[in-house]
PDB file of N, CA and C in Angstrom:
ATOM      1  N   MET A   1     -14.297  -1.114  11.388  1.00  0.00           N
ATOM      2  CA  MET A   1     -13.882  -1.606  10.222  1.00  0.00           C
ATOM      3  C   MET A   1     -13.431  -0.921   9.266  1.00  0.00           C
ATOM      4  N   LYS A   2     -11.928  -0.551   9.142  1.00  0.00           N
ATOM      5  CA  LYS A   2     -11.690   0.256   7.868  1.00  0.00           C
ATOM      6  C   LYS A   2     -11.740  -0.142   6.455  1.00  0.00           C
ATOM      7  N   LEU A   3     -11.982   0.218   5.382  1.00  0.00           N
ATOM      8  CA  LEU A   3     -12.243   0.236   4.127  1.00  0.00           C
ATOM      9  C   LEU A   3     -10.833   0.710   3.180  1.00  0.00           C
ATOM     10  N   PHE A   4     -11.012   0.288   2.306  1.00  0.00           N
ATOM     11  CA  PHE A   4      -9.944   0.714   1.208  1.00  0.00           C
ATOM     12  C   PHE A   4     -10.012   2.070   0.958  1.00  0.00           C
ATOM     13  N   GLU A   5     -11.215   2.785   1.249  1.00  0.00           N
ATOM     14  CA  GLU A   5     -11.527   4.257   0.582  1.00  0.00           C
ATOM     15  C   GLU A   5     -11.100   5.095   2.118  1.00  0.00           C
ATOM     16  N   ASP A   6     -11.412   4.352   2.791  1.00  0.00           N
ATOM     17  CA  ASP A   6     -11.120   5.160   4.397  1.00  0.00           C
ATOM     18  C   ASP A   6      -9.326   5.372   4.669  1.00  0.00           C
ATOM     19  N   VAL A   7      -8.887   4.655   3.944  1.00  0.00           N
ATOM     20  CA  VAL A   7      -7.210   5.002   3.928  1.00  0.00           C
ATOM     21  C   VAL A   7      -6.611   5.730   2.851  1.00  0.00           C
ATOM     22  N   LYS A   8      -8.035   6.337   1.660  1.00  0.00           N
ATOM     23  CA  LYS A   8      -6.875   6.814   0.644  1.00  0.00           C
ATOM     24  C   LYS A   8      -6.754   8.435   0.658  1.00  0.00           C
ATOM     25  N   HIS A   9      -5.433   8.729   0.300  1.00  0.00           N
ATOM     26  CA  HIS A   9      -5.323  10.163   0.541  1.00  0.00           C
ATOM     27  C   HIS A   9      -5.241  10.951  -1.118  1.00  0.00           C
ATOM     28  N   VAL A  10      -5.580  12.199  -0.965  1.00  0.00           N
ATOM     29  CA  VAL A  10      -5.489  13.074  -2.556  1.00  0.00           C
ATOM     30  C   VAL A  10      -4.246  14.040  -2.212  1.00  0.00           C
ATOM     31  N   ASN A  11      -3.424  14.305  -3.201  1.00  0.00           N
ATOM     32  CA  ASN A  11      -2.993  15.186  -3.188  1.00  0.00           C
ATOM     33  C   ASN A  11      -3.530  16.464  -3.918  1.00  0.00           C
ATOM     34  N   PRO A  12      -3.276  17.382  -2.690  1.00  0.00           N
ATOM     35  CA  PRO A  12      -3.869  18.585  -2.899  1.00  0.00           C
ATOM     36  C   PRO A  12      -3.961  19.536  -4.120  1.00  0.00           C
ATOM     37  N   LYS A  13      -2.485  19.146  -4.592  1.00  0.00           N
ATOM     38  CA  LYS A  13      -2.083  19.641  -5.929  1.00  0.00           C
ATOM     39  C   LYS A  13      -2.527  19.758  -7.311  1.00  0.00           C
ATOM     40  N   ASN A  14      -3.077  18.457  -7.130  1.00  0.00           N
ATOM     41  CA  ASN A  14      -3.269  17.824  -8.729  1.00  0.00           C
ATOM     42  C   ASN A  14      -4.504  16.676  -8.517  1.00  0.00           C
ATOM     43  N   GLY A  15      -5.007  16.664  -7.408  1.00  0.00           N
ATOM     44  CA  GLY A  15      -6.182  15.554  -6.723  1.00  0.00           C
ATOM     45  C   GLY A  15      -5.714  14.082  -7.255  1.00  0.00           C
ATOM     46  N   SER A  16      -4.770  13.642  -7.451  1.00  0.00           N
ATOM     47  CA  SER A  16      -4.479  12.312  -7.677  1.00  0.00           C
ATOM     48  C   SER A  16      -4.342  11.461  -6.382  1.00  0.00           C
ATOM     49  N   GLU A  17      -5.231  10.305  -6.543  1.00  0.00           N
ATOM     50  CA  GLU A  17      -5.219   9.496  -5.198  1.00  0.00           C
ATOM     51  C   GLU A  17      -4.248   8.614  -5.174  1.00  0.00           C
ATOM     52  N   TYR A  18      -3.819   8.241  -3.646  1.00  0.00           N
ATOM     53  CA  TYR A  18      -3.054   7.306  -3.537  1.00  0.00           C
ATOM     54  C   TYR A  18      -3.437   6.589  -2.216  1.00  0.00           C
ATOM     55  N   TRP A  19      -2.250   5.764  -1.671  1.00  0.00           N
ATOM     56  CA  TRP A  19      -2.466   4.818  -0.454  1.00  0.00           C
ATOM     57  C   TRP A  19      -1.016   4.662  -0.069  1.00  0.00           C
ATOM     58  N   PHE A  20      -1.323   4.328   1.298  1.00  0.00           N
ATOM     59  CA  PHE A  20       0.548   4.361   1.645  1.00  0.00           C
ATOM     60  C   PHE A  20       0.056   2.628   2.055  1.00  0.00           C
ATOM     61  N   ALA A  21       1.481   2.019   1.756  1.00  0.00           N
ATOM     62  CA  ALA A  21       1.475   0.761   1.972  1.00  0.00           C
ATOM     63  C   ALA A  21       1.081   0.284   3.422  1.00  0.00           C
ATOM     64  N   ARG A  22       1.630   0.572   4.262  1.00  0.00           N
ATOM     65  CA  ARG A  22       1.419   0.573   5.593  1.00  0.00           C
ATOM     66  C   ARG A  22       0.189   0.897   6.434  1.00  0.00           C
ATOM     67  N   GLU A  23      -0.567   1.625   5.476  1.00  0.00           N
ATOM     68  CA  GLU A  23      -2.377   1.329   6.089  1.00  0.00           C
ATOM     69  C   GLU A  23      -2.898   0.528   5.492  1.00  0.00           C
ATOM     70  N   LEU A  24      -2.607  -0.057   4.195  1.00  0.00           N
ATOM     71  CA  LEU A  24      -3.111  -1.021   3.830  1.00  0.00           C
ATOM     72  C   LEU A  24      -2.836  -2.450   4.225  1.00  0.00           C
ATOM     73  N   GLN A  25      -1.780  -2.266   4.470  1.00  0.00           N
ATOM     74  CA  GLN A  25      -1.267  -4.170   5.201  1.00  0.00           C
ATOM     75  C   GLN A  25      -2.206  -4.377   6.360  1.00  0.00           C
ATOM     76  N   PRO A  26      -2.816  -3.457   7.440  1.00  0.00           N
ATOM     77  CA  PRO A  26      -3.755  -4.491   8.093  1.00  0.00           C
ATOM     78  C   PRO A  26      -4.911  -4.781   7.443  1.00  0.00           C
ATOM     79  N   LEU A  27      -5.670  -4.008   6.605  1.00  0.00           N
ATOM     80  CA  LEU A  27      -6.564  -4.290   5.860  1.00  0.00           C
ATOM     81  C   LEU A  27      -6.873  -5.516   4.722  1.00  0.00           C
ATOM     82  N   LEU A  28      -5.437  -6.078   4.423  1.00  0.00           N
ATOM     83  CA  LEU A  28      -5.074  -7.059   3.990  1.00  0.00           C
ATOM     84  C   LEU A  28      -4.882  -8.631   4.908  1.00  0.00           C
ATOM     85  N   GLU A  29      -4.851  -8.127   6.196  1.00  0.00           N
ATOM     86  CA  GLU A  29      -4.538  -8.873   7.432  1.00  0.00           C
ATOM     87  C   GLU A  29      -3.067  -9.502   7.170  1.00  0.00           C
ATOM     88  N   TYR A  30      -2.147  -8.545   7.223  1.00  0.00           N
ATOM     89  CA  TYR A  30      -1.066  -8.937   7.249  1.00  0.00           C
ATOM     90  C   TYR A  30      -0.584  -8.262   8.595  1.00  0.00           C
ATOM     91  N   LYS A  31       0.329  -9.107   9.499  1.00  0.00           N
ATOM     92  CA  LYS A  31       0.706  -8.532  10.709  1.00  0.00           C
ATOM     93  C   LYS A  31       2.265  -7.973  10.298  1.00  0.00           C
ATOM     94  N   GLU A  32       2.759  -8.880   9.827  1.00  0.00           N
ATOM     95  CA  GLU A  32       4.346  -8.231   9.805  1.00  0.00           C
ATOM     96  C   GLU A  32       4.562  -7.086   8.694  1.00  0.00           C
ATOM     97  N   TRP A  33       5.306  -6.331   8.534  1.00  0.00           N
ATOM     98  CA  TRP A  33       5.918  -5.505   7.590  1.00  0.00           C
ATOM     99  C   TRP A  33       6.595  -6.214   6.440  1.00  0.00           C
ATOM    100  N   ARG A  34       7.728  -7.161   6.781  1.00  0.00           N
ATOM    101  CA  ARG A  34       8.766  -7.803   5.899  1.00  0.00           C
ATOM    102  C   ARG A  34       7.734  -8.623   5.236  1.00  0.00           C
ATOM    103  N   ASN A  35       6.596  -9.393   6.020  1.00  0.00           N
ATOM    104  CA  ASN A  35       5.950 -10.367   4.755  1.00  0.00           C
ATOM    105  C   ASN A  35       4.866  -9.712   3.777  1.00  0.00           C
ATOM    106  N   PHE A  36       4.596  -8.450   4.301  1.00  0.00           N
ATOM    107  CA  PHE A  36       3.474  -7.639   3.163  1.00  0.00           C
ATOM    108  C   PHE A  36       4.478  -6.917   2.346  1.00  0.00           C
ATOM    109  N   LEU A  37       5.884  -6.756   2.504  1.00  0.00           N
ATOM    110  CA  LEU A  37       6.736  -6.509   1.490  1.00  0.00           C
ATOM    111  C   LEU A  37       6.832  -7.334   0.579  1.00  0.00           C
ATOM    112  N   SER A  38       7.008  -8.814   0.969  1.00  0.00           N
ATOM    113  CA  SER A  38       7.086  -9.355  -0.249  1.00  0.00           C
ATOM    114  C   SER A  38       6.175  -9.661  -1.488  1.00  0.00           C
ATOM    115  N   VAL A  39       5.157  -9.341  -0.623  1.00  0.00           N
ATOM    116  CA  VAL A  39       3.499  -9.119  -1.709  1.00  0.00           C
ATOM    117  C   VAL A  39       3.498  -8.214  -2.537  1.00  0.00           C
ATOM    118  N   VAL A  40       4.511  -6.782  -2.184  1.00  0.00           N
ATOM    119  CA  VAL A  40       4.339  -5.963  -3.030  1.00  0.00           C
ATOM    120  C   VAL A  40       5.475  -6.147  -4.171  1.00  0.00           C
ATOM    121  N   GLU A  41       6.432  -6.490  -3.697  1.00  0.00           N
ATOM    122  CA  GLU A  41       7.538  -6.834  -4.315  1.00  0.00           C
ATOM    123  C   GLU A  41       6.835  -8.077  -5.577  1.00  0.00           C
ATOM    124  N   LYS A  42       6.078  -8.991  -5.468  1.00  0.00           N
ATOM    125  CA  LYS A  42       5.160  -9.962  -6.130  1.00  0.00           C
ATOM    126  C   LYS A  42       4.379  -8.824  -7.403  1.00  0.00           C
ATOM    127  N   ALA A  43       3.602  -7.871  -6.221  1.00  0.00           N
ATOM    128  CA  ALA A  43       2.773  -6.967  -7.120  1.00  0.00           C
ATOM    129  C   ALA A  43       3.274  -5.795  -8.442  1.00  0.00           C
ATOM    130  N   LYS A  44       4.656  -5.722  -7.985  1.00  0.00           N
ATOM    131  CA  LYS A  44       5.554  -4.774  -8.630  1.00  0.00           C
ATOM    132  C   LYS A  44       6.129  -5.820 -10.080  1.00  0.00           C
ATOM    133  N   THR A  45       6.610  -7.072  -9.739  1.00  0.00           N
ATOM    134  CA  THR A  45       6.517  -7.882 -10.800  1.00  0.00           C
ATOM    135  C   THR A  45       5.886  -8.170 -11.779  1.00  0.00           C
ATOM    136  N   ALA A  46       4.148  -7.971 -11.374  1.00  0.00           N
ATOM    137  CA  ALA A  46       3.178  -8.510 -12.131  1.00  0.00           C
ATOM    138  C   ALA A  46       2.926  -6.993 -13.027  1.00  0.00           C
ATOM    139  N   CYS A  47       2.896  -5.767 -12.245  1.00  0.00           N
ATOM    140  CA  CYS A  47       3.281  -4.493 -12.979  1.00  0.00           C
ATOM    141  C   CYS A  47       3.863  -4.699 -14.104  1.00  0.00           C
ATOM    142  N   GLN A  48       5.570  -4.929 -14.135  1.00  0.00           N
ATOM    143  CA  GLN A  48       6.589  -5.054 -15.222  1.00  0.00           C
ATOM    144  C   GLN A  48       6.107  -5.914 -16.004  1.00  0.00           C
ATOM    145  N   ASN A  49       5.357  -7.265 -15.602  1.00  0.00           N
ATOM    146  CA  ASN A  49       4.977  -8.220 -16.744  1.00  0.00           C
ATOM    147  C   ASN A  49       3.891  -7.553 -17.484  1.00  0.00           C
ATOM    148  N   SER A  50       3.109  -6.660 -17.272  1.00  0.00           N
ATOM    149  CA  SER A  50       1.913  -6.106 -17.699  1.00  0.00           C
ATOM    150  C   SER A  50       2.495  -5.034 -18.900  1.00  0.00           C
ATOM    151  N   ASN A  51       3.849  -4.788 -18.765  1.00  0.00           N
ATOM    152  CA  ASN A  51       4.645  -3.574 -19.645  1.00  0.00           C
ATOM    153  C   ASN A  51       4.025  -2.538 -18.926  1.00  0.00           C
ATOM    154  N   ILE A  52       4.012  -2.322 -17.706  1.00  0.00           N
ATOM    155  CA  ILE A  52       3.909  -0.862 -16.819  1.00  0.00           C
ATOM    156  C   ILE A  52       4.943  -0.720 -16.319  1.00  0.00           C
ATOM    157  N   GLU A  53       5.250   0.451 -15.817  1.00  0.00           N
ATOM    158  CA  GLU A  53       6.564   0.688 -15.255  1.00  0.00           C
ATOM    159  C   GLU A  53       5.910   0.776 -13.507  1.00  0.00           C
ATOM    160  N   PRO A  54       6.323   0.034 -13.003  1.00  0.00           N
ATOM    161  CA  PRO A  54       6.454  -0.138 -11.398  1.00  0.00           C
ATOM    162  C   PRO A  54       6.329   1.230 -10.921  1.00  0.00           C
ATOM    163  N   SER A  55       7.635   1.761 -11.209  1.00  0.00           N
ATOM    164  CA  SER A  55       8.258   3.191 -10.478  1.00  0.00           C
ATOM    165  C   SER A  55       6.678   3.956 -10.958  1.00  0.00           C
ATOM    166  N   ASP A  56       6.058   4.035 -11.726  1.00  0.00           N
ATOM    167  CA  ASP A  56       4.639   4.995 -11.949  1.00  0.00           C
ATOM    168  C   ASP A  56       3.602   4.842 -10.699  1.00  0.00           C
ATOM    169  N   HIS A  57       3.809   3.619 -10.268  1.00  0.00           N
ATOM    170  CA  HIS A  57       2.479   3.239  -9.195  1.00  0.00           C
ATOM    171  C   HIS A  57       2.991   2.718  -7.937  1.00  0.00           C
ATOM    172  N   PHE A  58       4.420   2.265  -7.953  1.00  0.00           N
ATOM    173  CA  PHE A  58       4.922   2.346  -6.825  1.00  0.00           C
ATOM    174  C   PHE A  58       5.940   3.085  -6.109  1.00  0.00           C
ATOM    175  N   ILE A  59       5.734   4.181  -5.096  1.00  0.00           N
ATOM    176  CA  ILE A  59       6.497   5.081  -5.139  1.00  0.00           C
ATOM    177  C   ILE A  59       7.342   4.964  -3.749  1.00  0.00           C
ATOM    178  N   LYS A  60       8.567   4.662  -3.595  1.00  0.00           N
ATOM    179  CA  LYS A  60       9.330   4.602  -2.091  1.00  0.00           C
ATOM    180  C   LYS A  60       9.305   6.036  -1.446  1.00  0.00           C
ATOM    181  N   ILE A  61       8.927   5.914  -0.127  1.00  0.00           N
ATOM    182  CA  ILE A  61       8.984   6.778   0.428  1.00  0.00           C
ATOM    183  C   ILE A  61       9.148   6.916   2.043  1.00  0.00           C
ATOM    184  N   ASN A  62       9.471   7.824   2.617  1.00  0.00           N
ATOM    185  CA  ASN A  62      10.003   8.057   4.211  1.00  0.00           C
ATOM    186  C   ASN A  62       8.976   8.740   5.186  1.00  0.00           C
ATOM    187  N   LYS A  63       8.911   8.375   5.905  1.00  0.00           N
ATOM    188  CA  LYS A  63       7.659   9.213   6.562  1.00  0.00           C
ATOM    189  C   LYS A  63       8.009   9.239   8.119  1.00  0.00           C
ATOM    190  N   MET A  64       7.432  10.116   9.000  1.00  0.00           N
ATOM    191  CA  MET A  64       8.033  10.129  10.379  1.00  0.00           C
ATOM    192  C   MET A  64       6.875   9.621  10.865  1.00  0.00           C
ATOM    193  N   VAL A  65       6.995   8.554  11.960  1.00  0.00           N
ATOM    194  CA  VAL A  65       5.876   8.286  13.053  1.00  0.00           C
ATOM    195  C   VAL A  65       5.857   8.137  14.758  1.00  0.00           C
ATOM    196  N   GLY A  66       4.743   8.374  15.156  1.00  0.00           N
ATOM    197  CA  GLY A  66       5.389   8.712  16.725  1.00  0.00           C
ATOM    198  C   GLY A  66       5.504   7.016  17.388  1.00  0.00           C
ATOM    199  N   LEU A  67       6.298   7.360  18.413  1.00  0.00           N
ATOM    200  CA  LEU A  67       6.429   6.071  19.254  1.00  0.00           C
ATOM    201  C   LEU A  67       5.846   6.566  20.500  1.00  0.00           C
ATOM    202  N   GLY A  68       5.428   5.698  21.182  1.00  0.00           N
ATOM    203  CA  GLY A  68       4.720   5.648  22.540  1.00  0.00           C
ATOM    204  C   GLY A  68       5.423   6.203  23.433  1.00  0.00           C
ATOM    205  N   SER A  69       6.813   6.583  23.693  1.00  0.00           N
ATOM    206  CA  SER A  69       7.366   7.497  24.207  1.00  0.00           C
ATOM    207  C   SER A  69       7.177   9.014  24.101  1.00  0.00           C
ATOM    208  N   GLY A  70       6.465   9.214  22.880  1.00  0.00           N
ATOM    209  CA  GLY A  70       6.631  10.719  22.347  1.00  0.00           C
ATOM    210  C   GLY A  70       7.265  11.070  21.477  1.00  0.00           C
ATOM    211  N   ALA A  71       8.673  10.184  20.802  1.00  0.00           N
ATOM    212  CA  ALA A  71       9.799  10.377  19.954  1.00  0.00           C
ATOM    213  C   ALA A  71       9.141  10.111  18.637  1.00  0.00           C
ATOM    214  N   LYS A  72       9.864  10.525  17.837  1.00  0.00           N
ATOM    215  CA  LYS A  72       9.506  10.017  16.775  1.00  0.00           C
ATOM    216  C   LYS A  72      10.357   9.488  15.753  1.00  0.00           C
ATOM    217  N   ARG A  73      10.389   8.681  15.053  1.00  0.00           N
ATOM    218  CA  ARG A  73      11.335   8.002  14.022  1.00  0.00           C
ATOM    219  C   ARG A  73      10.832   7.974  12.722  1.00  0.00           C
ATOM    220  N   GLU A  74      11.784   7.733  11.825  1.00  0.00           N
ATOM    221  CA  GLU A  74      11.328   7.787  10.249  1.00  0.00           C
ATOM    222  C   GLU A  74      11.524   6.158   9.819  1.00  0.00           C
ATOM    223  N   VAL A  75      10.544   5.734   9.250  1.00  0.00           N
ATOM    224  CA  VAL A  75      10.211   4.295   8.227  1.00  0.00           C
ATOM    225  C   VAL A  75       9.666   4.457   7.026  1.00  0.00           C
ATOM    226  N   ASP A  76      10.125   3.676   6.481  1.00  0.00           N
ATOM    227  CA  ASP A  76       9.891   3.266   4.690  1.00  0.00           C
ATOM    228  C   ASP A  76       8.442   2.958   4.720  1.00  0.00           C
ATOM    229  N   ASP A  77       7.950   3.440   3.753  1.00  0.00           N
ATOM    230  CA  ASP A  77       6.795   3.508   3.413  1.00  0.00           C
ATOM    231  C   ASP A  77       6.568   3.305   1.935  1.00  0.00           C
ATOM    232  N   ILE A  78       5.267   3.030   1.023  1.00  0.00           N
ATOM    233  CA  ILE A  78       5.432   3.017  -0.398  1.00  0.00           C
ATOM    234  C   ILE A  78       3.893   3.584  -0.553  1.00  0.00           C
ATOM    235  N   ALA A  79       4.220   4.790  -1.278  1.00  0.00           N
ATOM    236  CA  ALA A  79       2.705   5.310  -1.695  1.00  0.00           C
ATOM    237  C   ALA A  79       2.095   4.568  -3.188  1.00  0.00           C
ATOM    238  N   MET A  80       1.102   4.335  -3.088  1.00  0.00           N
ATOM    239  CA  MET A  80       0.902   3.295  -4.579  1.00  0.00           C
ATOM    240  C   MET A  80      -0.521   3.698  -5.103  1.00  0.00           C
ATOM    241  N   THR A  81      -0.512   3.789  -6.385  1.00  0.00           N
ATOM    242  CA  THR A  81      -1.808   3.948  -6.948  1.00  0.00           C
ATOM    243  C   THR A  81      -3.073   3.209  -6.741  1.00  0.00           C
ATOM    244  N   ARG A  82      -3.942   3.460  -7.556  1.00  0.00           N
ATOM    245  CA  ARG A  82      -5.497   2.467  -6.929  1.00  0.00           C
ATOM    246  C   ARG A  82      -4.953   1.324  -7.705  1.00  0.00           C
ATOM    247  N   TYR A  83      -4.297   1.152  -8.931  1.00  0.00           N
ATOM    248  CA  TYR A  83      -3.808   0.316  -9.878  1.00  0.00           C
ATOM    249  C   TYR A  83      -2.867  -0.896  -9.146  1.00  0.00           C
ATOM    250  N   ALA A  84      -1.772  -0.035  -8.237  1.00  0.00           N
ATOM    251  CA  ALA A  84      -0.870  -0.897  -7.520  1.00  0.00           C
ATOM    252  C   ALA A  84      -1.440  -1.352  -6.183  1.00  0.00           C
ATOM    253  N   CYS A  85      -2.407  -1.166  -5.946  1.00  0.00           N
ATOM    254  CA  CYS A  85      -3.063  -1.611  -4.452  1.00  0.00           C
ATOM    255  C   CYS A  85      -3.993  -2.627  -5.131  1.00  0.00           C
ATOM    256  N   TYR A  86      -4.339  -2.813  -6.646  1.00  0.00           N
ATOM    257  CA  TYR A  86      -5.159  -3.795  -6.851  1.00  0.00           C
ATOM    258  C   TYR A  86      -4.084  -5.059  -7.136  1.00  0.00           C
ATOM    259  N   LEU A  87      -3.178  -4.782  -7.562  1.00  0.00           N
ATOM    260  CA  LEU A  87      -1.992  -5.931  -8.115  1.00  0.00           C
ATOM    261  C   LEU A  87      -1.701  -6.402  -6.638  1.00  0.00           C
ATOM    262  N   VAL A  88      -1.629  -5.395  -5.416  1.00  0.00           N
ATOM    263  CA  VAL A  88      -1.088  -5.956  -4.084  1.00  0.00           C
ATOM    264  C   VAL A  88      -2.289  -6.964  -3.598  1.00  0.00           C
ATOM    265  N   ALA A  89      -3.663  -6.619  -3.898  1.00  0.00           N
ATOM    266  CA  ALA A  89      -4.517  -7.396  -3.083  1.00  0.00           C
ATOM    267  C   ALA A  89      -4.542  -8.575  -4.091  1.00  0.00           C
ATOM    268  N   GLN A  90      -4.404  -8.653  -5.263  1.00  0.00           N
ATOM    269  CA  GLN A  90      -4.635 -10.128  -6.049  1.00  0.00           C
ATOM    270  C   GLN A  90      -3.207 -10.636  -5.772  1.00  0.00           C
ATOM    271  N   ASN A  91      -2.143 -10.617  -5.415  1.00  0.00           N
ATOM    272  CA  ASN A  91      -1.058 -11.154  -5.310  1.00  0.00           C
ATOM    273  C   ASN A  91      -0.703 -11.273  -3.858  1.00  0.00           C
ATOM    274  N   GLY A  92      -1.709 -11.278  -2.903  1.00  0.00           N
ATOM    275  CA  GLY A  92      -1.722 -11.460  -1.530  1.00  0.00           C
ATOM    276  C   GLY A  92      -2.052 -13.109  -1.203  1.00  0.00           C
ATOM    277  N   GLN A  93      -2.120 -13.382  -0.168  1.00  0.00           N
ATOM    278  CA  GLN A  93      -2.648 -14.240   0.479  1.00  0.00           C
ATOM    279  C   GLN A  93      -3.498 -14.206   1.562  1.00  0.00           C
ATOM    280  N   THR A  94      -4.503 -13.118   1.203  1.00  0.00           N
ATOM    281  CA  THR A  94      -5.469 -12.889   2.444  1.00  0.00           C
ATOM    282  C   THR A  94      -6.820 -13.576   2.260  1.00  0.00           C
ATOM    283  N   ARG A  95      -7.211 -13.772   3.398  1.00  0.00           N
ATOM    284  CA  ARG A  95      -8.563 -14.509   3.682  1.00  0.00           C
ATOM    285  C   ARG A  95      -9.981 -13.386   3.384  1.00  0.00           C
ATOM    286  N   ARG A  96      -9.304 -12.063   3.713  1.00  0.00           N
ATOM    287  CA  ARG A  96     -10.772 -11.166   3.272  1.00  0.00           C
ATOM    288  C   ARG A  96     -11.152 -10.841   1.981  1.00  0.00           C
ATOM    289  N   GLU A  97     -12.253 -10.943   1.541  1.00  0.00           N
ATOM    290  CA  GLU A  97     -12.921 -10.576   0.530  1.00  0.00           C
ATOM    291  C   GLU A  97     -12.233  -9.379  -0.217  1.00  0.00           C
ATOM    292  N   ILE A  98     -11.509  -9.308  -1.396  1.00  0.00           N
ATOM    293  CA  ILE A  98     -10.965  -8.459  -1.935  1.00  0.00           C
ATOM    294  C   ILE A  98     -12.139  -6.899  -2.300  1.00  0.00           C
ATOM    295  N   THR A  99     -13.273  -7.842  -2.790  1.00  0.00           N
ATOM    296  CA  THR A  99     -14.230  -7.092  -3.354  1.00  0.00           C
ATOM    297  C   THR A  99     -14.831  -6.140  -2.081  1.00  0.00           C
ATOM    298  N   GLY A 100     -14.707  -6.808  -0.577  1.00  0.00           N
ATOM    299  CA  GLY A 100     -15.144  -6.420   0.531  1.00  0.00           C
ATOM    300  C   GLY A 100     -14.555  -4.891   0.761  1.00  0.00           C
ATOM    301  N   LEU A 101     -13.085  -4.976   0.086  1.00  0.00           N
ATOM    302  CA  LEU A 101     -11.970  -3.887   0.466  1.00  0.00           C
ATOM    303  C   LEU A 101     -12.649  -2.438  -0.701  1.00  0.00           C
ATOM    304  N   GLY A 102     -13.585  -2.867  -1.340  1.00  0.00           N
ATOM    305  CA  GLY A 102     -13.618  -1.848  -2.588  1.00  0.00           C
ATOM    306  C   GLY A 102     -12.436  -1.431  -3.437  1.00  0.00           C
ATOM    307  N   VAL A 103     -11.529  -2.370  -3.501  1.00  0.00           N
ATOM    308  CA  VAL A 103     -10.253  -2.016  -4.585  1.00  0.00           C
ATOM    309  C   VAL A 103     -10.620  -2.266  -5.602  1.00  0.00           C
TER     310      VAL A 103
END
């Protein structure tokens, strides 16, 4: 079983940590991206309600993923700070213990 720290990325230029929403999605037991996106939107609202700029913590990106046929296609994703991941976990409807994720 993967944990939160297992899907962490580190920017080699400045050492900042980030997580991709598509990698966090299965950890929080969401099967469909569209359902997970609604949780991310709730988390962005919570961030805004705390007088914190969501764009500092949720960065929309595009990345290439491999398909079974060997081809690649571009998909939307979101790079998130630790704080953003915490907000997503708090706003989700997961059965998994948040503390077990290490967020």
